[in-house]
Amino acid sequence: MRSILSIVALLLLLGPAFAADGKAEVPKAPAKAQAKSKEEKPRVRTLQVKSGTLLFNVSIEPGVPDPGQVIAFSIELAEVPEVPDPIYGEKIPVKDAELTARVTDADGAGYTMAYRVHALQDAGSYGFHYTPVRKDNYRVALMGIHNGKGFKAELRVPVGIWPFIKVDAEGKVSKVPAQTASNRRPALPSGLKAPAIPGGAGVGRQPAARKNSPLGKAMQVLGEQFARAGVALFSGRRPDLKEAKAAADLLKAEVEKAAAIKQADDEYDGQMQELNQAVQELVRASGAGKAKSAKASFSRIGDQHCNRCHFKMRWKMIEQSSDFPARLP
C-alpha cells in the first residue's frame, strides 16, 4: 500500500510536465521576457521634429549610442508650405541655412556646448557628429536662421540607456529609465567640431579607415584621448591642466604610433607630422599651466587638423589637403 501511494504521489508531481499526448512539455519563458530578449539596439534611429513651417528629418547613428562613442547626425531640412510648390511639392529643401547644435544634459541645468552644423552636398542636407562623455538623456537643440527668422527644434538623445520605455510615433523618446542626477559635466567638450557626413556618402557609408583596421583602431584611441583633453579643459569653472597634460601625453604617443602605419596616400606622412607638432603645443601649454594657450591649441587641433584629415581621407570631400577649407562644398 505504501509503495502504491508513493507511485501515485510521484505521478502527481510529474503530471504537469507532460502534455495530454504523453510528450514532455518544455516550460516557456514569460512573454515579456521573450520580447525583451529579442530587443536589439537599432543601428540607426530616425525621427522628425518641427519648428513652425520647418520640418527636420533626423537620422542618428548609432541609434542607441554609448558614452565615448561618436554619434553621427544626418539632417534633412525642408519647409512645408501652405500650398504645395510646383517644383518641390509639399516639402521645399532649405538651402544654406545657418545651423548650430546645442547639446546639454537631461535637466538642462548643466553646461551647454554649441557646434556648427555643416551643409552637405545635397540640397537641404546638413550634418554633424559629437562624442558624449557620459550616460544621460541629452537635450539637442537645432537652432538657426531662415529667411531672416530664427528657429529652434529640440530632440532627446539617450546615451548608455536601453531599452527605452516609451517612443512616440515620430521616433522621439519621451520616457527613459530613471537616471542619477547630473554631475554638471558638459554634454561634450568644446572644440570637437568634427566634420559631418557628406550627403552623397549616406549614413551607412564605410569610411576609409575601417573600424577594426590598425589605422581605424589608432584613430579611435586618438579620438578618446582628444575627448578626454577637451573635458579636462572645458568641463569645469577652471581647466584641469594636470588631466589635460596627461591626456595630451597619451595623445602624442598615439599620434606617433599612427604615423608609423604606412598609407598609400602621399600626404599622410606630412599630415601626421603637422598633427604631432600641434599636439606638442598642447603638451607644452598644459604642462606650463597656460590655460588660455592650452585651450587655443586644443581648438586648433580639432578645427585645422582633425577636420582637414576627415574631409579628405574619411569622407572624400576634398582631393588635397591644400583644398581645406576653401574648396569644401
Protein backbone atom coordinates (compact mmCIF):
# COMPACT_ATOMS: atom_id res chain seq x y z
CA MET A 1 0.00 0.00 0.00
CA ARG A 2 2.81 2.37 0.88
CA SER A 3 4.55 1.72 -2.44
CA ILE A 4 1.31 2.41 -4.36
CA LEU A 5 0.88 5.74 -2.59
CA SER A 6 4.49 6.62 -3.43
CA ILE A 7 3.91 5.89 -7.12
CA VAL A 8 0.70 7.97 -7.15
CA ALA A 9 2.49 10.89 -5.48
CA LEU A 10 5.31 10.66 -8.00
CA LEU A 11 2.85 10.71 -10.92
CA LEU A 12 1.10 13.75 -9.45
CA LEU A 13 4.42 15.55 -9.24
CA LEU A 14 5.38 14.65 -12.81
CA GLY A 15 1.92 15.24 -14.23
CA PRO A 16 2.27 18.96 -15.05
CA ALA A 17 5.41 18.24 -17.06
CA PHE A 18 3.56 16.06 -19.58
CA ALA A 19 1.05 17.03 -22.20
CA ALA A 20 -2.13 15.09 -22.92
CA ASP A 21 -0.38 13.07 -25.61
CA GLY A 22 2.24 11.91 -23.15
CA LYS A 23 5.10 14.02 -24.59
CA ALA A 24 7.29 16.14 -22.37
CA GLU A 25 6.22 19.79 -22.25
CA VAL A 26 9.02 22.37 -22.19
CA PRO A 27 8.27 25.33 -19.89
CA LYS A 28 8.01 28.59 -21.82
CA ALA A 29 9.55 31.86 -20.72
CA PRO A 30 7.11 34.66 -19.91
CA ALA A 31 6.05 36.70 -22.92
CA LYS A 32 7.68 39.88 -21.55
CA ALA A 33 10.99 38.08 -21.06
CA GLN A 34 10.86 36.74 -24.62
CA ALA A 35 10.13 40.21 -26.02
CA LYS A 36 12.94 41.75 -24.01
CA SER A 37 15.45 39.15 -25.18
CA LYS A 38 14.58 39.95 -28.80
CA GLU A 39 15.10 43.69 -28.40
CA GLU A 40 18.26 44.82 -30.10
CA LYS A 41 19.72 48.29 -30.31
CA PRO A 42 18.81 49.87 -33.66
CA ARG A 43 21.73 50.70 -35.93
CA VAL A 44 20.06 53.96 -36.95
CA ARG A 45 17.23 55.85 -35.25
CA THR A 46 15.16 58.32 -37.27
CA LEU A 47 12.76 60.96 -36.05
CA GLN A 48 11.02 64.16 -37.07
CA VAL A 49 10.93 67.47 -35.25
CA LYS A 50 9.26 70.72 -36.31
CA SER A 51 9.74 74.44 -35.83
CA GLY A 52 6.98 76.49 -37.40
CA THR A 53 6.86 75.60 -41.09
CA LEU A 54 10.24 73.87 -40.95
CA LEU A 55 10.47 70.08 -40.82
CA PHE A 56 13.60 68.27 -39.66
CA ASN A 57 14.12 64.63 -40.65
CA VAL A 58 16.94 63.47 -38.38
CA SER A 59 18.88 60.21 -38.59
CA ILE A 60 21.05 59.26 -35.63
CA GLU A 61 23.78 56.61 -35.91
CA PRO A 62 24.26 54.58 -33.83
CA GLY A 63 20.60 54.62 -32.81
CA VAL A 64 21.44 53.89 -29.17
CA PRO A 65 24.97 55.19 -28.50
CA ASP A 66 27.18 54.54 -25.52
CA PRO A 67 29.43 57.05 -23.72
CA GLY A 68 32.61 57.72 -25.67
CA GLN A 69 31.01 56.63 -28.96
CA VAL A 70 30.87 59.06 -31.88
CA ILE A 71 27.27 59.93 -32.81
CA ALA A 72 26.57 60.99 -36.40
CA PHE A 73 23.56 63.19 -37.16
CA SER A 74 22.22 63.44 -40.71
CA ILE A 75 19.58 66.14 -41.12
CA GLU A 76 17.20 66.79 -43.99
CA LEU A 77 15.72 70.28 -43.54
CA ALA A 78 12.63 71.29 -45.52
CA GLU A 79 9.94 73.95 -45.45
CA VAL A 80 6.33 72.80 -45.59
CA PRO A 81 4.35 75.49 -47.49
CA GLU A 82 0.64 76.03 -47.08
CA VAL A 83 0.26 75.49 -50.83
CA PRO A 84 2.40 72.78 -52.48
CA ASP A 85 5.29 74.14 -54.51
CA PRO A 86 5.01 73.49 -58.29
CA ILE A 87 8.57 72.11 -58.37
CA TYR A 88 9.22 70.55 -54.97
CA GLY A 89 5.70 69.69 -53.90
CA GLU A 90 4.89 69.59 -50.19
CA LYS A 91 8.49 69.86 -48.98
CA ILE A 92 10.90 72.52 -50.18
CA PRO A 93 14.57 71.83 -49.31
CA VAL A 94 16.07 74.62 -47.21
CA LYS A 95 19.45 75.56 -48.63
CA ASP A 96 22.25 77.50 -46.97
CA ALA A 97 20.61 77.69 -43.54
CA GLU A 98 22.79 78.87 -40.68
CA LEU A 99 22.58 75.97 -38.25
CA THR A 100 24.08 75.23 -34.85
CA ALA A 101 23.51 72.32 -32.50
CA ARG A 102 23.40 73.00 -28.76
CA VAL A 103 23.81 69.99 -26.50
CA THR A 104 23.22 69.86 -22.77
CA ASP A 105 22.31 67.30 -20.14
CA ALA A 106 18.92 65.83 -19.25
CA ASP A 107 17.59 68.57 -16.98
CA GLY A 108 19.10 71.42 -19.00
CA ALA A 109 20.87 72.83 -15.96
CA GLY A 110 24.43 71.86 -16.88
CA TYR A 111 26.92 73.26 -19.34
CA THR A 112 25.71 73.78 -22.90
CA MET A 113 28.05 73.31 -25.85
CA ALA A 114 27.35 74.81 -29.29
CA TYR A 115 28.53 73.18 -32.51
CA ARG A 116 28.37 74.35 -36.08
CA VAL A 117 26.30 72.09 -38.32
CA HIS A 118 27.80 71.64 -41.78
CA ALA A 119 25.87 72.00 -45.03
CA LEU A 120 26.35 68.85 -47.11
CA GLN A 121 26.28 68.14 -50.82
CA ASP A 122 22.56 67.55 -51.33
CA ALA A 123 20.11 70.46 -51.14
CA GLY A 124 18.65 70.75 -47.65
CA SER A 125 21.14 68.22 -46.20
CA TYR A 126 23.17 69.00 -43.09
CA GLY A 127 25.14 67.04 -40.57
CA PHE A 128 27.41 66.97 -37.57
CA HIS A 129 28.67 64.48 -35.05
CA TYR A 130 29.84 64.59 -31.47
CA THR A 131 31.10 62.30 -28.72
CA PRO A 132 29.19 62.25 -25.41
CA VAL A 133 31.36 61.61 -22.38
CA ARG A 134 28.85 60.02 -20.02
CA LYS A 135 25.47 58.34 -19.65
CA ASP A 136 22.50 60.72 -19.84
CA ASN A 137 19.36 61.58 -21.81
CA TYR A 138 20.84 64.56 -23.64
CA ARG A 139 18.93 67.54 -24.98
CA VAL A 140 19.88 68.56 -28.53
CA ALA A 141 18.56 71.85 -29.87
CA LEU A 142 18.92 72.65 -33.58
CA MET A 143 18.93 76.42 -33.92
CA GLY A 144 19.46 78.83 -36.75
CA ILE A 145 18.13 81.48 -39.10
CA HIS A 146 15.99 81.04 -42.21
CA ASN A 147 14.57 83.92 -44.26
CA GLY A 148 15.63 86.34 -41.54
CA LYS A 149 13.75 84.49 -38.79
CA GLY A 150 15.18 82.38 -36.01
CA PHE A 151 14.05 78.81 -35.42
CA LYS A 152 14.62 76.12 -32.81
CA ALA A 153 13.81 72.39 -32.87
CA GLU A 154 14.60 70.10 -29.95
CA LEU A 155 15.09 66.36 -29.55
CA ARG A 156 16.39 63.90 -26.99
CA VAL A 157 19.39 61.63 -27.45
CA PRO A 158 19.66 58.91 -24.78
CA VAL A 159 23.24 57.73 -24.28
CA GLY A 160 24.02 54.48 -22.46
CA ILE A 161 20.29 53.90 -21.92
CA TRP A 162 18.50 50.81 -23.28
CA PRO A 163 15.77 49.75 -23.70
CA PHE A 164 13.64 52.88 -23.97
CA ILE A 165 10.39 52.81 -22.01
CA LYS A 166 8.38 54.85 -24.48
CA VAL A 167 8.99 56.10 -28.00
CA ASP A 168 6.25 58.06 -29.77
CA ALA A 169 5.06 57.66 -33.37
CA GLU A 170 7.60 60.21 -34.63
CA GLY A 171 10.52 58.34 -33.06
CA LYS A 172 11.05 60.73 -30.17
CA VAL A 173 11.97 59.21 -26.83
CA SER A 174 9.50 60.65 -24.34
CA LYS A 175 10.49 58.49 -21.39
CA VAL A 176 13.60 56.60 -20.34
CA PRO A 177 14.58 54.73 -17.15
CA ALA A 178 15.26 56.97 -14.18
CA GLN A 179 18.82 58.27 -14.08
CA THR A 180 21.02 59.64 -11.36
CA ALA A 181 21.35 63.39 -11.01
CA SER A 182 23.71 65.10 -13.40
CA ASN A 183 27.24 65.75 -12.19
CA ARG A 184 27.31 69.05 -14.12
CA ARG A 185 29.98 67.88 -16.51
CA PRO A 186 29.49 69.19 -20.02
CA ALA A 187 27.47 67.40 -22.62
CA LEU A 188 30.59 67.26 -24.75
CA PRO A 189 33.95 69.03 -24.80
CA SER A 190 34.19 72.27 -26.71
CA GLY A 191 36.29 72.29 -29.87
CA LEU A 192 35.23 68.86 -31.14
CA LYS A 193 33.94 70.29 -34.41
CA ALA A 194 34.30 67.09 -36.37
CA PRO A 195 33.15 67.04 -39.97
CA ALA A 196 29.69 65.97 -40.94
CA ILE A 197 28.90 63.01 -43.14
CA PRO A 198 28.55 64.07 -46.78
CA GLY A 199 25.08 63.72 -48.19
CA GLY A 200 26.35 61.71 -51.15
CA ALA A 201 28.01 59.18 -48.85
CA GLY A 202 24.99 58.40 -46.73
CA VAL A 203 24.96 57.43 -43.05
CA GLY A 204 25.97 53.85 -43.71
CA ARG A 205 29.00 54.53 -45.92
CA GLN A 206 32.13 52.79 -44.75
CA PRO A 207 34.95 55.28 -44.06
CA ALA A 208 38.46 54.91 -45.44
CA ALA A 209 39.86 53.66 -42.12
CA ARG A 210 37.78 50.62 -41.21
CA LYS A 211 36.97 50.25 -37.54
CA ASN A 212 38.99 47.07 -36.99
CA SER A 213 41.98 48.03 -39.14
CA PRO A 214 45.22 49.21 -37.48
CA LEU A 215 44.56 52.76 -38.63
CA GLY A 216 40.91 52.58 -37.55
CA LYS A 217 41.91 51.43 -34.06
CA ALA A 218 44.58 54.12 -33.84
CA MET A 219 42.11 56.84 -34.81
CA GLN A 220 39.61 55.59 -32.25
CA VAL A 221 42.21 55.89 -29.48
CA LEU A 222 43.18 59.34 -30.74
CA GLY A 223 39.55 60.40 -30.55
CA GLU A 224 39.21 59.10 -27.00
CA GLN A 225 42.26 60.99 -25.73
CA PHE A 226 41.26 64.12 -27.63
CA ALA A 227 37.83 63.98 -25.95
CA ARG A 228 39.49 63.42 -22.58
CA ALA A 229 41.66 66.51 -23.05
CA GLY A 230 38.61 68.54 -24.05
CA VAL A 231 36.69 67.52 -20.95
CA ALA A 232 39.65 68.49 -18.77
CA LEU A 233 39.97 71.90 -20.39
CA PHE A 234 36.32 72.89 -20.75
CA SER A 235 34.18 70.95 -18.27
CA GLY A 236 34.58 72.96 -15.08
CA ARG A 237 34.88 76.50 -13.87
CA ARG A 238 38.63 76.13 -14.21
CA PRO A 239 40.59 73.93 -16.61
CA ASP A 240 42.14 70.79 -15.11
CA LEU A 241 45.56 71.29 -16.67
CA LYS A 242 47.08 68.26 -14.95
CA GLU A 243 44.46 65.99 -16.50
CA ALA A 244 44.79 67.80 -19.83
CA LYS A 245 48.56 67.24 -19.77
CA ALA A 246 48.09 63.53 -19.05
CA ALA A 247 45.66 63.20 -21.95
CA ALA A 248 47.92 65.24 -24.24
CA ASP A 249 50.90 63.00 -23.45
CA LEU A 250 48.91 59.91 -24.41
CA LEU A 251 47.57 61.71 -27.46
CA LYS A 252 51.13 62.47 -28.58
CA ALA A 253 52.18 58.84 -28.12
CA GLU A 254 49.21 57.62 -30.15
CA VAL A 255 49.90 60.14 -32.92
CA GLU A 256 53.43 58.76 -33.21
CA LYS A 257 52.06 55.20 -33.40
CA ALA A 258 49.54 56.21 -36.06
CA ALA A 259 52.27 58.00 -38.04
CA ALA A 260 54.19 54.72 -38.24
CA ILE A 261 51.28 53.00 -40.03
CA LYS A 262 52.11 53.08 -43.73
CA GLN A 263 49.44 54.52 -46.01
CA ALA A 264 49.24 54.83 -49.79
CA ASP A 265 48.22 58.48 -49.58
CA ASP A 266 51.16 60.76 -50.36
CA GLU A 267 50.01 63.42 -47.90
CA TYR A 268 49.50 61.12 -44.91
CA ASP A 269 53.04 61.40 -43.50
CA GLY A 270 53.02 65.19 -43.75
CA GLN A 271 49.61 65.44 -42.12
CA MET A 272 50.71 63.27 -39.20
CA GLN A 273 53.88 65.34 -38.72
CA GLU A 274 51.83 68.54 -38.58
CA LEU A 275 49.37 66.92 -36.16
CA ASN A 276 52.25 65.81 -33.97
CA GLN A 277 53.58 69.37 -33.81
CA ALA A 278 50.13 70.68 -32.89
CA VAL A 279 49.76 68.09 -30.14
CA GLN A 280 53.21 69.01 -28.78
CA GLU A 281 51.97 72.60 -28.43
CA LEU A 282 49.08 71.28 -26.33
CA VAL A 283 51.51 69.25 -24.22
CA ARG A 284 53.73 72.29 -23.59
CA ALA A 285 50.90 74.70 -22.84
CA SER A 286 49.08 72.40 -20.41
CA GLY A 287 52.35 71.39 -18.78
CA ALA A 288 53.31 75.05 -18.28
CA GLY A 289 49.97 75.86 -16.68
CA LYS A 290 48.88 78.16 -19.51
CA ALA A 291 45.15 77.56 -19.68
CA LYS A 292 44.38 80.02 -22.47
CA SER A 293 47.13 78.67 -24.70
CA ALA A 294 46.12 75.08 -23.96
CA LYS A 295 42.52 75.78 -24.98
CA ALA A 296 43.67 77.50 -28.15
CA SER A 297 45.95 74.57 -29.02
CA PHE A 298 43.12 72.11 -28.44
CA SER A 299 40.77 74.08 -30.70
CA ARG A 300 43.38 74.29 -33.46
CA ILE A 301 43.83 70.52 -33.41
CA GLY A 302 40.11 70.00 -33.89
CA ASP A 303 39.45 72.81 -36.35
CA GLN A 304 42.54 72.53 -38.55
CA HIS A 305 43.92 69.01 -38.29
CA CYS A 306 41.07 66.65 -37.41
CA ASN A 307 38.66 68.35 -39.78
CA ARG A 308 41.12 68.53 -42.67
CA CYS A 309 42.06 64.87 -42.36
CA HIS A 310 38.45 63.72 -42.08
CA PHE A 311 37.23 65.78 -45.02
CA LYS A 312 39.98 64.36 -47.24
CA MET A 313 40.64 60.80 -46.10
CA ARG A 314 37.42 59.79 -44.40
CA TRP A 315 34.64 61.49 -46.30
CA LYS A 316 36.42 62.16 -49.64
CA MET A 317 35.02 65.70 -49.91
CA ILE A 318 38.35 67.24 -50.94
CA GLU A 319 41.17 65.76 -53.02
CA GLN A 320 44.16 67.51 -51.47
CA SER A 321 44.88 68.84 -48.00
CA SER A 322 45.51 72.25 -49.52
CA ASP A 323 41.85 72.30 -50.61
CA PHE A 324 40.81 72.72 -46.97
CA PRO A 325 38.77 74.71 -46.18
CA ALA A 326 38.43 76.85 -49.34
CA ARG A 327 37.06 74.08 -51.59
CA LEU A 328 34.60 72.50 -49.24
CA PRO A 329 31.09 72.12 -50.74
